[in-house]
N, C-alpha and C. Protein backbone atom coordinates (compact mmCIF):
# COMPACT_ATOMS: atom_id res chain seq x y z
N UNK A 1 221.56 227.72 32.95
CA UNK A 1 221.11 228.88 32.22
C UNK A 1 220.43 228.48 30.93
N UNK A 2 221.08 227.56 30.15
CA UNK A 2 220.49 227.11 28.89
C UNK A 2 219.19 226.36 29.14
N UNK A 3 219.14 225.56 30.20
CA UNK A 3 217.94 224.80 30.50
C UNK A 3 216.78 225.73 30.87
N UNK A 4 217.02 226.77 31.66
CA UNK A 4 215.94 227.68 32.02
C UNK A 4 215.49 228.51 30.82
N UNK A 5 216.43 228.83 29.91
CA UNK A 5 216.06 229.56 28.69
C UNK A 5 215.21 228.66 27.79
N UNK A 6 215.56 227.40 27.68
CA UNK A 6 214.81 226.45 26.87
C UNK A 6 213.40 226.26 27.43
N UNK A 7 213.29 226.15 28.75
CA UNK A 7 211.98 226.01 29.39
C UNK A 7 211.15 227.28 29.15
N UNK A 8 211.78 228.44 29.25
CA UNK A 8 211.09 229.71 29.01
C UNK A 8 210.57 229.82 27.59
N UNK A 9 211.28 229.25 26.64
CA UNK A 9 210.84 229.29 25.23
C UNK A 9 209.76 228.25 24.97
N UNK A 10 209.91 227.05 25.51
CA UNK A 10 208.98 225.96 25.22
C UNK A 10 207.68 226.03 26.03
N UNK A 11 207.71 226.60 27.23
CA UNK A 11 206.53 226.62 28.10
C UNK A 11 205.31 227.27 27.45
N UNK A 12 205.42 228.44 26.81
CA UNK A 12 204.23 229.01 26.17
C UNK A 12 203.64 228.11 25.08
N UNK A 13 204.49 227.43 24.32
CA UNK A 13 203.99 226.53 23.27
C UNK A 13 203.27 225.33 23.86
N UNK A 14 203.81 224.82 24.97
CA UNK A 14 203.17 223.68 25.63
C UNK A 14 201.81 224.09 26.18
N UNK A 15 201.74 225.26 26.80
CA UNK A 15 200.47 225.73 27.35
C UNK A 15 199.44 225.99 26.25
N UNK A 16 199.86 226.59 25.15
CA UNK A 16 198.93 226.86 24.04
C UNK A 16 198.41 225.58 23.41
N UNK A 17 199.26 224.59 23.28
CA UNK A 17 198.82 223.35 22.64
C UNK A 17 197.87 222.55 23.52
N UNK A 18 197.88 222.79 24.83
CA UNK A 18 196.98 222.05 25.71
C UNK A 18 195.59 222.68 25.77
N UNK A 19 195.43 223.92 25.26
CA UNK A 19 194.12 224.57 25.24
C UNK A 19 193.35 224.07 24.03
N UNK A 20 192.03 223.92 24.17
CA UNK A 20 191.19 223.47 23.06
C UNK A 20 189.85 224.16 23.13
N UNK A 21 189.21 224.35 21.97
CA UNK A 21 187.91 225.02 21.95
C UNK A 21 186.77 224.04 22.09
N UNK A 22 186.96 222.79 21.77
CA UNK A 22 185.88 221.81 21.86
C UNK A 22 186.44 220.45 22.22
N UNK A 23 185.58 219.56 22.66
CA UNK A 23 185.99 218.21 23.00
C UNK A 23 185.40 217.27 21.98
N UNK A 24 186.10 216.23 21.65
CA UNK A 24 185.62 215.23 20.72
C UNK A 24 185.56 213.91 21.47
N UNK A 25 184.39 213.30 21.52
CA UNK A 25 184.22 212.02 22.19
C UNK A 25 183.99 210.94 21.15
N UNK A 26 184.55 209.81 21.38
CA UNK A 26 184.26 208.66 20.54
C UNK A 26 183.72 207.59 21.46
N UNK A 27 182.48 207.19 21.21
CA UNK A 27 181.83 206.23 22.08
C UNK A 27 181.16 205.16 21.22
N UNK A 28 181.57 203.93 21.39
CA UNK A 28 181.00 202.79 20.67
C UNK A 28 180.95 203.05 19.17
N UNK A 29 182.03 203.61 18.63
CA UNK A 29 182.11 203.83 17.19
C UNK A 29 181.38 205.06 16.70
N UNK A 30 180.81 205.84 17.60
CA UNK A 30 180.08 207.03 17.19
C UNK A 30 180.93 208.25 17.48
N UNK A 31 181.04 209.14 16.52
CA UNK A 31 181.78 210.38 16.67
C UNK A 31 180.82 211.45 17.15
N UNK A 32 181.08 212.05 18.29
CA UNK A 32 180.14 213.01 18.87
C UNK A 32 180.91 214.22 19.38
N UNK A 33 180.49 215.40 18.98
CA UNK A 33 181.13 216.62 19.46
C UNK A 33 180.30 217.19 20.60
N UNK A 34 180.98 217.60 21.67
CA UNK A 34 180.27 218.21 22.79
C UNK A 34 180.75 219.64 22.96
N UNK A 35 179.92 220.45 23.55
CA UNK A 35 180.24 221.86 23.76
C UNK A 35 180.97 222.03 25.08
N UNK A 36 181.94 222.96 25.12
CA UNK A 36 182.61 223.30 26.36
C UNK A 36 181.70 224.11 27.28
N UNK A 37 180.71 224.79 26.72
CA UNK A 37 179.83 225.63 27.51
C UNK A 37 178.67 224.80 28.04
N UNK A 38 178.54 224.72 29.33
CA UNK A 38 177.49 223.90 29.95
C UNK A 38 176.12 224.37 29.50
N UNK A 39 175.27 223.42 29.15
CA UNK A 39 173.90 223.74 28.80
C UNK A 39 173.68 224.13 27.34
N UNK A 40 174.74 224.31 26.57
CA UNK A 40 174.57 224.67 25.15
C UNK A 40 174.90 223.44 24.32
N UNK A 41 173.90 222.87 23.64
CA UNK A 41 174.16 221.67 22.86
C UNK A 41 175.05 221.98 21.66
N UNK A 42 175.89 221.03 21.32
CA UNK A 42 176.76 221.18 20.15
C UNK A 42 175.97 220.85 18.89
N UNK A 43 176.40 221.39 17.77
CA UNK A 43 175.73 221.09 16.52
C UNK A 43 176.32 219.81 15.92
N UNK A 44 175.45 219.05 15.26
CA UNK A 44 175.83 217.79 14.65
C UNK A 44 175.32 217.81 13.20
N UNK A 45 176.16 217.43 12.23
CA UNK A 45 175.67 217.38 10.85
C UNK A 45 174.58 216.31 10.71
N UNK A 46 173.68 216.51 9.77
CA UNK A 46 172.56 215.59 9.56
C UNK A 46 172.61 215.09 8.11
N UNK A 47 172.44 213.79 7.95
CA UNK A 47 172.35 213.22 6.60
C UNK A 47 170.98 213.53 6.02
N UNK A 48 170.96 213.95 4.77
CA UNK A 48 169.69 214.21 4.10
C UNK A 48 169.86 213.91 2.62
N UNK A 49 168.74 213.73 1.94
CA UNK A 49 168.74 213.48 0.50
C UNK A 49 167.81 214.47 -0.17
N UNK A 50 168.31 215.16 -1.17
CA UNK A 50 167.47 216.07 -1.95
C UNK A 50 166.53 215.24 -2.81
N UNK A 51 165.27 215.65 -2.87
CA UNK A 51 164.27 214.93 -3.66
C UNK A 51 163.95 215.71 -4.92
N UNK A 52 163.83 215.01 -6.02
CA UNK A 52 163.44 215.66 -7.27
C UNK A 52 162.21 214.95 -7.84
N UNK A 53 161.54 215.66 -8.75
CA UNK A 53 160.37 215.08 -9.39
C UNK A 53 159.05 215.44 -8.72
N UNK A 54 159.05 216.51 -7.92
CA UNK A 54 157.83 216.93 -7.23
C UNK A 54 157.54 218.40 -7.49
N UNK A 55 156.27 218.77 -7.36
CA UNK A 55 155.85 220.16 -7.45
C UNK A 55 154.91 220.46 -6.29
N UNK A 56 154.74 221.73 -6.00
CA UNK A 56 153.81 222.15 -4.95
C UNK A 56 152.41 222.18 -5.54
N UNK A 57 151.47 221.49 -4.89
CA UNK A 57 150.08 221.46 -5.37
C UNK A 57 149.51 222.87 -5.45
N UNK A 58 148.77 223.14 -6.50
CA UNK A 58 148.14 224.46 -6.66
C UNK A 58 147.18 224.78 -5.52
N UNK A 59 146.57 223.76 -4.93
CA UNK A 59 145.60 223.98 -3.86
C UNK A 59 146.26 224.23 -2.50
N UNK A 60 147.58 224.04 -2.41
CA UNK A 60 148.26 224.23 -1.14
C UNK A 60 148.49 225.72 -0.91
N UNK A 61 147.99 226.22 0.23
CA UNK A 61 148.07 227.65 0.53
C UNK A 61 149.38 227.98 1.25
N UNK A 62 150.14 228.88 0.65
CA UNK A 62 151.37 229.36 1.27
C UNK A 62 151.03 230.56 2.15
N UNK A 63 151.43 230.48 3.42
CA UNK A 63 151.01 231.50 4.39
C UNK A 63 151.96 232.68 4.49
N UNK A 64 153.21 232.51 4.10
CA UNK A 64 154.17 233.61 4.22
C UNK A 64 155.13 233.59 3.02
N UNK A 65 156.08 234.50 3.01
CA UNK A 65 157.03 234.57 1.90
C UNK A 65 157.87 233.31 1.79
N UNK A 66 158.30 232.78 2.94
CA UNK A 66 159.09 231.55 3.00
C UNK A 66 158.33 230.57 3.88
N UNK A 67 158.11 229.35 3.38
CA UNK A 67 157.28 228.37 4.08
C UNK A 67 158.03 227.05 4.24
N UNK A 68 157.87 226.44 5.41
CA UNK A 68 158.37 225.09 5.64
C UNK A 68 157.15 224.17 5.64
N UNK A 69 157.24 223.12 4.84
CA UNK A 69 156.16 222.14 4.74
C UNK A 69 156.73 220.79 5.15
N UNK A 70 156.11 220.16 6.15
CA UNK A 70 156.62 218.91 6.70
C UNK A 70 155.65 217.77 6.41
N UNK A 71 156.20 216.63 6.05
CA UNK A 71 155.37 215.45 5.78
C UNK A 71 156.04 214.23 6.41
N UNK A 72 155.30 213.54 7.28
CA UNK A 72 155.83 212.33 7.91
C UNK A 72 155.09 211.08 7.45
N UNK A 73 154.08 211.25 6.58
CA UNK A 73 153.36 210.11 6.03
C UNK A 73 152.86 210.45 4.63
N UNK A 74 152.43 209.44 3.85
CA UNK A 74 152.01 209.68 2.46
C UNK A 74 150.83 210.64 2.34
N UNK A 75 149.91 210.65 3.31
CA UNK A 75 148.77 211.55 3.25
C UNK A 75 149.21 213.01 3.33
N UNK A 76 150.09 213.32 4.27
CA UNK A 76 150.61 214.68 4.38
C UNK A 76 151.37 215.07 3.11
N UNK A 77 152.10 214.12 2.56
CA UNK A 77 152.87 214.39 1.33
C UNK A 77 151.95 214.74 0.17
N UNK A 78 150.88 213.96 0.00
CA UNK A 78 149.99 214.19 -1.15
C UNK A 78 149.14 215.45 -0.99
N UNK A 79 148.94 215.93 0.24
CA UNK A 79 148.23 217.19 0.44
C UNK A 79 149.03 218.38 -0.10
N UNK A 80 150.35 218.30 0.02
CA UNK A 80 151.19 219.44 -0.35
C UNK A 80 151.87 219.28 -1.70
N UNK A 81 152.24 218.06 -2.06
CA UNK A 81 153.08 217.86 -3.23
C UNK A 81 152.49 216.86 -4.21
N UNK A 82 152.75 217.11 -5.48
CA UNK A 82 152.37 216.16 -6.52
C UNK A 82 153.63 215.67 -7.22
N UNK A 83 153.50 214.53 -7.91
CA UNK A 83 154.64 213.99 -8.65
C UNK A 83 154.67 214.61 -10.04
N UNK A 84 155.85 215.04 -10.44
CA UNK A 84 156.04 215.65 -11.76
C UNK A 84 156.76 214.67 -12.67
N UNK A 85 156.12 213.56 -12.95
CA UNK A 85 156.73 212.51 -13.77
C UNK A 85 156.57 212.84 -15.24
N UNK A 86 157.69 212.79 -15.94
CA UNK A 86 157.69 212.93 -17.39
C UNK A 86 158.38 211.70 -17.97
N UNK A 87 158.52 211.68 -19.28
CA UNK A 87 159.21 210.55 -19.91
C UNK A 87 160.72 210.59 -19.67
N UNK A 88 161.23 211.76 -19.29
CA UNK A 88 162.68 211.93 -19.19
C UNK A 88 163.22 212.03 -17.77
N UNK A 89 162.39 211.96 -16.76
CA UNK A 89 162.90 212.12 -15.40
C UNK A 89 162.47 210.96 -14.52
N UNK A 90 163.01 210.93 -13.33
CA UNK A 90 162.57 209.97 -12.33
C UNK A 90 162.10 210.76 -11.11
N UNK A 91 161.15 210.20 -10.42
CA UNK A 91 160.64 210.80 -9.19
C UNK A 91 161.27 210.02 -8.03
N UNK A 92 161.99 210.74 -7.18
CA UNK A 92 162.63 210.08 -6.04
C UNK A 92 161.56 209.56 -5.08
N UNK A 93 161.73 208.32 -4.66
CA UNK A 93 160.78 207.68 -3.74
C UNK A 93 161.16 207.98 -2.29
N UNK A 94 160.15 208.03 -1.45
CA UNK A 94 160.33 208.27 -0.01
C UNK A 94 159.79 207.07 0.75
N UNK A 95 160.57 206.55 1.69
CA UNK A 95 160.12 205.47 2.57
C UNK A 95 159.67 206.12 3.88
N UNK A 96 158.36 206.34 4.02
CA UNK A 96 157.85 207.03 5.20
C UNK A 96 157.97 206.20 6.47
N UNK A 97 158.31 204.93 6.33
CA UNK A 97 158.60 204.13 7.52
C UNK A 97 159.86 204.59 8.22
N UNK A 98 160.82 205.11 7.45
CA UNK A 98 162.10 205.52 8.01
C UNK A 98 162.46 206.98 7.73
N UNK A 99 161.70 207.67 6.86
CA UNK A 99 162.07 209.03 6.45
C UNK A 99 160.92 210.01 6.64
N UNK A 100 161.29 211.26 6.85
CA UNK A 100 160.35 212.38 6.85
C UNK A 100 160.77 213.31 5.72
N UNK A 101 159.83 214.12 5.22
CA UNK A 101 160.11 215.05 4.12
C UNK A 101 159.96 216.47 4.62
N UNK A 102 160.91 217.31 4.23
CA UNK A 102 160.87 218.73 4.53
C UNK A 102 160.88 219.47 3.20
N UNK A 103 159.89 220.35 3.01
CA UNK A 103 159.83 221.18 1.82
C UNK A 103 159.99 222.64 2.19
N UNK A 104 160.69 223.37 1.36
CA UNK A 104 160.83 224.82 1.54
C UNK A 104 160.24 225.45 0.28
N UNK A 105 159.19 226.24 0.45
CA UNK A 105 158.46 226.81 -0.68
C UNK A 105 158.38 228.32 -0.54
N UNK A 106 158.48 229.00 -1.68
CA UNK A 106 158.36 230.45 -1.74
C UNK A 106 157.08 230.82 -2.46
N UNK A 107 156.63 232.04 -2.26
CA UNK A 107 155.46 232.54 -2.97
C UNK A 107 155.72 232.53 -4.48
N UNK A 108 154.65 232.41 -5.29
CA UNK A 108 154.83 232.43 -6.74
C UNK A 108 155.57 233.70 -7.19
N UNK A 109 156.42 233.53 -8.20
CA UNK A 109 157.22 234.65 -8.70
C UNK A 109 157.44 234.50 -10.20
N UNK A 110 157.64 235.64 -10.85
CA UNK A 110 158.00 235.60 -12.27
C UNK A 110 159.51 235.82 -12.46
N UNK A 111 160.26 235.76 -11.36
CA UNK A 111 161.72 235.86 -11.44
C UNK A 111 162.33 234.47 -11.36
N UNK A 112 163.33 234.21 -12.18
CA UNK A 112 164.06 232.95 -12.07
C UNK A 112 164.62 232.88 -10.65
N UNK A 113 164.35 231.78 -9.93
CA UNK A 113 164.72 231.67 -8.53
C UNK A 113 165.40 230.34 -8.27
N UNK A 114 166.52 230.41 -7.57
CA UNK A 114 167.24 229.20 -7.20
C UNK A 114 167.42 229.19 -5.69
N UNK A 115 167.12 228.04 -5.07
CA UNK A 115 167.35 227.87 -3.63
C UNK A 115 168.45 226.84 -3.45
N UNK A 116 169.41 227.15 -2.57
CA UNK A 116 170.53 226.25 -2.32
C UNK A 116 170.69 226.06 -0.82
N UNK A 117 170.72 224.81 -0.39
CA UNK A 117 170.97 224.50 1.01
C UNK A 117 172.48 224.62 1.23
N UNK A 118 172.87 225.58 2.09
CA UNK A 118 174.28 225.80 2.38
C UNK A 118 174.78 224.85 3.47
N UNK A 119 173.93 224.65 4.47
CA UNK A 119 174.34 223.84 5.61
C UNK A 119 173.09 223.36 6.33
N UNK A 120 173.23 222.19 6.94
CA UNK A 120 172.15 221.65 7.74
C UNK A 120 172.78 221.03 8.98
N UNK A 121 172.26 221.38 10.15
CA UNK A 121 172.84 220.85 11.38
C UNK A 121 171.74 220.63 12.42
N UNK A 122 171.99 219.67 13.28
CA UNK A 122 171.07 219.38 14.38
C UNK A 122 171.65 219.96 15.66
N UNK A 123 170.85 220.76 16.36
CA UNK A 123 171.23 221.31 17.66
C UNK A 123 170.12 220.90 18.62
N UNK A 124 170.45 219.99 19.53
CA UNK A 124 169.41 219.44 20.40
C UNK A 124 168.42 218.67 19.54
N UNK A 125 167.12 219.00 19.65
CA UNK A 125 166.08 218.36 18.84
C UNK A 125 165.67 219.21 17.65
N UNK A 126 166.45 220.25 17.34
CA UNK A 126 166.11 221.18 16.27
C UNK A 126 167.04 220.99 15.08
N UNK A 127 166.46 220.94 13.90
CA UNK A 127 167.23 220.91 12.65
C UNK A 127 167.30 222.33 12.12
N UNK A 128 168.50 222.88 12.04
CA UNK A 128 168.70 224.21 11.47
C UNK A 128 169.13 224.06 10.01
N UNK A 129 168.37 224.69 9.12
CA UNK A 129 168.65 224.65 7.69
C UNK A 129 169.05 226.06 7.26
N UNK A 130 170.23 226.17 6.64
CA UNK A 130 170.74 227.45 6.17
C UNK A 130 170.64 227.47 4.66
N UNK A 131 169.93 228.47 4.14
CA UNK A 131 169.55 228.50 2.73
C UNK A 131 169.98 229.82 2.09
N UNK A 132 170.37 229.73 0.82
CA UNK A 132 170.63 230.92 0.01
C UNK A 132 169.60 230.94 -1.11
N UNK A 133 168.99 232.10 -1.31
CA UNK A 133 168.03 232.27 -2.41
C UNK A 133 168.64 233.26 -3.39
N UNK A 134 168.71 232.85 -4.66
CA UNK A 134 169.24 233.72 -5.71
C UNK A 134 168.13 234.01 -6.70
N UNK A 135 167.90 235.29 -6.94
CA UNK A 135 166.88 235.72 -7.90
C UNK A 135 167.57 236.15 -9.17
N UNK A 136 166.95 235.80 -10.31
CA UNK A 136 167.53 236.12 -11.60
C UNK A 136 166.61 237.00 -12.43
N UNK A 137 166.63 236.74 -13.72
CA UNK A 137 165.88 237.55 -14.68
C UNK A 137 164.38 237.30 -14.59
N UNK A 138 163.64 238.26 -15.07
CA UNK A 138 162.19 238.14 -15.15
C UNK A 138 161.85 237.11 -16.24
N UNK A 139 160.82 236.30 -15.95
CA UNK A 139 160.36 235.27 -16.88
C UNK A 139 158.97 235.65 -17.40
N UNK A 140 158.52 234.97 -18.42
CA UNK A 140 157.19 235.24 -18.97
C UNK A 140 156.11 234.39 -18.29
N UNK A 141 156.48 233.67 -17.25
CA UNK A 141 155.55 232.81 -16.51
C UNK A 141 155.91 232.89 -15.03
N UNK A 142 155.01 232.38 -14.19
CA UNK A 142 155.30 232.33 -12.76
C UNK A 142 155.58 230.91 -12.32
N UNK A 143 156.40 230.78 -11.29
CA UNK A 143 156.71 229.49 -10.70
C UNK A 143 156.56 229.60 -9.19
N UNK A 144 156.43 228.44 -8.54
CA UNK A 144 156.45 228.37 -7.08
C UNK A 144 157.76 227.68 -6.71
N UNK A 145 158.79 228.46 -6.39
CA UNK A 145 160.08 227.83 -6.05
C UNK A 145 159.93 226.85 -4.89
N UNK A 146 160.54 225.68 -5.06
CA UNK A 146 160.41 224.60 -4.08
C UNK A 146 161.70 223.81 -4.03
N UNK A 147 162.14 223.50 -2.83
CA UNK A 147 163.19 222.51 -2.64
C UNK A 147 162.70 221.52 -1.61
N UNK A 148 162.95 220.26 -1.88
CA UNK A 148 162.47 219.17 -1.03
C UNK A 148 163.64 218.28 -0.65
N UNK A 149 163.64 217.81 0.60
CA UNK A 149 164.64 216.83 1.00
C UNK A 149 164.03 215.89 2.03
N UNK A 150 164.62 214.72 2.14
CA UNK A 150 164.19 213.75 3.16
C UNK A 150 165.32 213.57 4.15
N UNK A 151 164.93 213.22 5.37
CA UNK A 151 165.91 212.92 6.40
C UNK A 151 165.41 211.75 7.22
N UNK A 152 166.32 210.99 7.82
CA UNK A 152 165.89 209.85 8.62
C UNK A 152 165.04 210.28 9.80
N UNK A 153 163.99 209.51 10.08
CA UNK A 153 163.13 209.81 11.24
C UNK A 153 163.85 209.57 12.56
N UNK A 154 164.87 208.74 12.56
CA UNK A 154 165.54 208.38 13.82
C UNK A 154 166.60 209.40 14.25
N UNK A 155 166.60 210.59 13.66
CA UNK A 155 167.58 211.62 14.04
C UNK A 155 167.23 212.31 15.35
N UNK A 156 165.99 212.15 15.84
CA UNK A 156 165.57 212.82 17.06
C UNK A 156 165.14 214.26 16.84
N UNK A 157 164.96 214.64 15.58
CA UNK A 157 164.54 216.01 15.25
C UNK A 157 163.03 216.12 15.39
N UNK A 158 162.55 217.15 16.10
CA UNK A 158 161.11 217.40 16.13
C UNK A 158 160.77 218.84 15.74
N UNK A 159 161.78 219.66 15.49
CA UNK A 159 161.58 221.05 15.09
C UNK A 159 162.54 221.37 13.94
N UNK A 160 162.06 222.12 12.95
CA UNK A 160 162.90 222.56 11.83
C UNK A 160 162.87 224.09 11.80
N UNK A 161 164.06 224.69 11.74
CA UNK A 161 164.16 226.15 11.65
C UNK A 161 164.96 226.50 10.41
N UNK A 162 164.46 227.48 9.66
CA UNK A 162 165.07 227.88 8.40
C UNK A 162 165.71 229.25 8.55
N UNK A 163 166.96 229.35 8.13
CA UNK A 163 167.72 230.60 8.18
C UNK A 163 168.14 231.00 6.76
N UNK A 164 167.88 232.26 6.42
CA UNK A 164 168.31 232.82 5.15
C UNK A 164 169.18 234.01 5.47
N UNK A 165 170.42 233.97 4.97
CA UNK A 165 171.41 235.01 5.26
C UNK A 165 171.54 235.25 6.76
N UNK A 166 171.54 234.17 7.53
CA UNK A 166 171.74 234.24 8.97
C UNK A 166 170.51 234.64 9.78
N UNK A 167 169.41 234.96 9.12
CA UNK A 167 168.21 235.39 9.83
C UNK A 167 167.16 234.28 9.80
N UNK A 168 166.57 234.00 10.98
CA UNK A 168 165.53 232.97 11.06
C UNK A 168 164.29 233.46 10.33
N UNK A 169 163.83 232.68 9.34
CA UNK A 169 162.69 233.08 8.52
C UNK A 169 161.45 232.24 8.73
N UNK A 170 161.61 230.98 9.15
CA UNK A 170 160.45 230.10 9.31
C UNK A 170 160.82 228.95 10.23
N UNK A 171 159.79 228.32 10.79
CA UNK A 171 160.00 227.13 11.60
C UNK A 171 158.75 226.26 11.52
N UNK A 172 158.94 224.99 11.83
CA UNK A 172 157.82 224.06 11.83
C UNK A 172 158.14 222.85 12.69
N UNK A 173 157.10 222.14 13.12
CA UNK A 173 157.26 220.95 13.97
C UNK A 173 156.94 219.70 13.16
N UNK A 174 157.79 218.70 13.32
CA UNK A 174 157.50 217.38 12.75
C UNK A 174 156.56 216.69 13.72
N UNK A 175 155.43 216.20 13.19
CA UNK A 175 154.47 215.52 14.08
C UNK A 175 154.05 214.21 13.50
């Protein structure tokens, strides 16, 4: 009687602990998460570095409210961005042999504007970037809000999609 009561109490806990929402594989020192749902790729975090010391060239035409600008070589970089070197700052260098640059630019505004990358993940060959935009007080001048980051070219990413407050706002292809 005690044994069957003990089994009746422990069995639900054993069954619950054997259920899992995802699988974790470790292969040759690489940590890889796979999806339980067939055909749906799992998301993987992506290493990136925020770049400082750049501005959006005045001649670069912004086509929409939120723009993704991609650069895989120095020529593409110089078409869109200039270096903002002063005596007090440093301009982050990019090694285009191993890195690509992704810029997120907004239309000119006279409101103080801050862009913050909340999360970045790779799903298949797509890099999903989740961004928060905070608008502040009116300024006496206009700015072109810009955030720039680099990521390794060997990530297998060929598409970048930008989400603001969960809504897809822009996309672009790395070429």
